[in-house]
């Protein structure tokens, strides 16, 4: 529910109805695949960072979650770099690919 409210607020902040439609189609939080997500991140870094954090939280709340130990306050750059370096993730669902990156980059000891 909170996710829907937050997404709604972000869309409303975009401006006019035309801008809202364009923002929804190209926004990182609307990307269905990692490839689409990476393309949209080049256009909007702040929403990209938001989607990375949201995806991680969603995956960590799932039943079969694997812990990650993020040590950086700004982990979005390493995650984006990792996703770009792993084209095999580009067809994956966005949250699955993001979570794979976090698990690979930030395993817990």
Protein backbone atom coordinates (compact mmCIF):
# COMPACT_ATOMS: atom_id res chain seq x y z
CA UNK A 1 0.00 0.00 0.00
CA UNK A 2 2.79 2.45 0.92
CA UNK A 3 4.51 1.64 -2.34
CA UNK A 4 1.41 2.63 -4.31
CA UNK A 5 1.06 5.86 -2.37
CA UNK A 6 4.72 6.77 -2.87
CA UNK A 7 4.59 5.99 -6.59
CA UNK A 8 1.42 8.07 -6.90
CA UNK A 9 3.11 11.03 -5.17
CA UNK A 10 6.14 10.80 -7.44
CA UNK A 11 3.93 10.78 -10.52
CA UNK A 12 1.87 13.71 -9.30
CA UNK A 13 5.03 15.73 -8.75
CA UNK A 14 5.96 15.30 -12.41
CA UNK A 15 3.73 18.17 -13.55
CA UNK A 16 1.14 18.27 -16.30
CA UNK A 17 -0.84 15.26 -17.55
CA UNK A 18 1.43 14.99 -20.59
CA UNK A 19 4.54 15.04 -18.45
CA UNK A 20 3.00 12.48 -16.12
CA UNK A 21 2.32 10.08 -18.97
CA UNK A 22 5.85 10.45 -20.33
CA UNK A 23 7.33 10.06 -16.85
CA UNK A 24 5.39 6.87 -16.21
CA UNK A 25 6.50 5.32 -19.49
CA UNK A 26 10.18 6.13 -18.95
CA UNK A 27 10.48 6.10 -15.16
CA UNK A 28 12.81 3.59 -13.50
CA UNK A 29 10.05 2.48 -11.12
CA UNK A 30 7.90 1.45 -14.12
CA UNK A 31 10.59 -0.63 -15.89
CA UNK A 32 9.60 -4.28 -16.32
CA UNK A 33 13.10 -5.57 -17.08
CA UNK A 34 16.62 -4.74 -15.99
CA UNK A 35 17.42 -3.54 -19.51
CA UNK A 36 14.52 -1.05 -19.45
CA UNK A 37 15.51 -0.02 -15.93
CA UNK A 38 19.10 0.74 -16.95
CA UNK A 39 17.93 2.78 -19.94
CA UNK A 40 15.59 4.81 -17.76
CA UNK A 41 18.26 5.37 -15.09
CA UNK A 42 20.27 7.36 -17.59
CA UNK A 43 17.36 9.82 -17.67
CA UNK A 44 16.45 10.01 -13.97
CA UNK A 45 19.06 9.08 -11.37
CA UNK A 46 16.97 10.01 -8.31
CA UNK A 47 14.10 7.69 -9.25
CA UNK A 48 16.66 5.04 -10.16
CA UNK A 49 18.09 5.18 -6.64
CA UNK A 50 14.56 5.03 -5.22
CA UNK A 51 13.77 1.89 -7.27
CA UNK A 52 17.00 0.19 -6.18
CA UNK A 53 16.18 0.69 -2.50
CA UNK A 54 12.55 -0.29 -2.97
CA UNK A 55 13.46 -3.46 -4.88
CA UNK A 56 15.92 -4.49 -2.18
CA UNK A 57 13.35 -3.94 0.58
CA UNK A 58 10.69 -5.87 -1.32
CA UNK A 59 13.00 -8.83 -1.91
CA UNK A 60 14.28 -8.87 1.67
CA UNK A 61 10.69 -9.12 2.87
CA UNK A 62 10.04 -12.28 0.85
CA UNK A 63 9.95 -15.75 2.38
CA UNK A 64 13.10 -17.10 0.74
CA UNK A 65 15.22 -13.96 1.12
CA UNK A 66 18.98 -14.06 1.37
CA UNK A 67 20.51 -11.44 3.63
CA UNK A 68 22.72 -8.76 2.18
CA UNK A 69 25.12 -6.58 4.13
CA UNK A 70 25.20 -3.18 2.46
CA UNK A 71 28.06 -1.17 3.89
CA UNK A 72 27.80 1.87 1.62
CA UNK A 73 25.39 4.74 2.11
CA UNK A 74 25.43 5.23 -1.66
CA UNK A 75 25.24 1.73 -3.10
CA UNK A 76 23.38 2.68 -6.29
CA UNK A 77 26.50 3.27 -8.40
CA UNK A 78 28.09 -0.15 -7.74
CA UNK A 79 24.74 -1.88 -8.35
CA UNK A 80 24.16 -0.07 -11.65
CA UNK A 81 27.75 -0.79 -12.72
CA UNK A 82 27.31 -4.48 -11.84
CA UNK A 83 24.03 -4.71 -13.78
CA UNK A 84 25.59 -3.06 -16.84
CA UNK A 85 28.52 -5.52 -16.66
CA UNK A 86 26.14 -8.51 -16.53
CA UNK A 87 24.01 -8.47 -19.69
CA UNK A 88 22.53 -11.83 -18.72
CA UNK A 89 20.42 -9.89 -16.21
CA UNK A 90 18.96 -7.46 -18.75
CA UNK A 91 15.99 -9.70 -19.60
CA UNK A 92 15.24 -10.44 -15.93
CA UNK A 93 12.40 -8.83 -14.02
CA UNK A 94 13.74 -5.57 -12.62
CA UNK A 95 13.52 -6.45 -8.92
CA UNK A 96 15.03 -9.92 -9.49
CA UNK A 97 18.02 -8.45 -11.33
CA UNK A 98 18.55 -5.72 -8.76
CA UNK A 99 18.41 -8.25 -5.95
CA UNK A 100 20.92 -10.49 -7.77
CA UNK A 101 23.29 -7.52 -7.97
CA UNK A 102 22.94 -6.72 -4.27
CA UNK A 103 23.49 -10.38 -3.29
CA UNK A 104 26.60 -10.55 -5.45
CA UNK A 105 28.06 -7.23 -4.30
CA UNK A 106 27.12 -7.29 -0.64
CA UNK A 107 27.14 -10.85 0.73
CA UNK A 108 27.01 -11.19 4.49
CA UNK A 109 30.00 -12.85 6.16
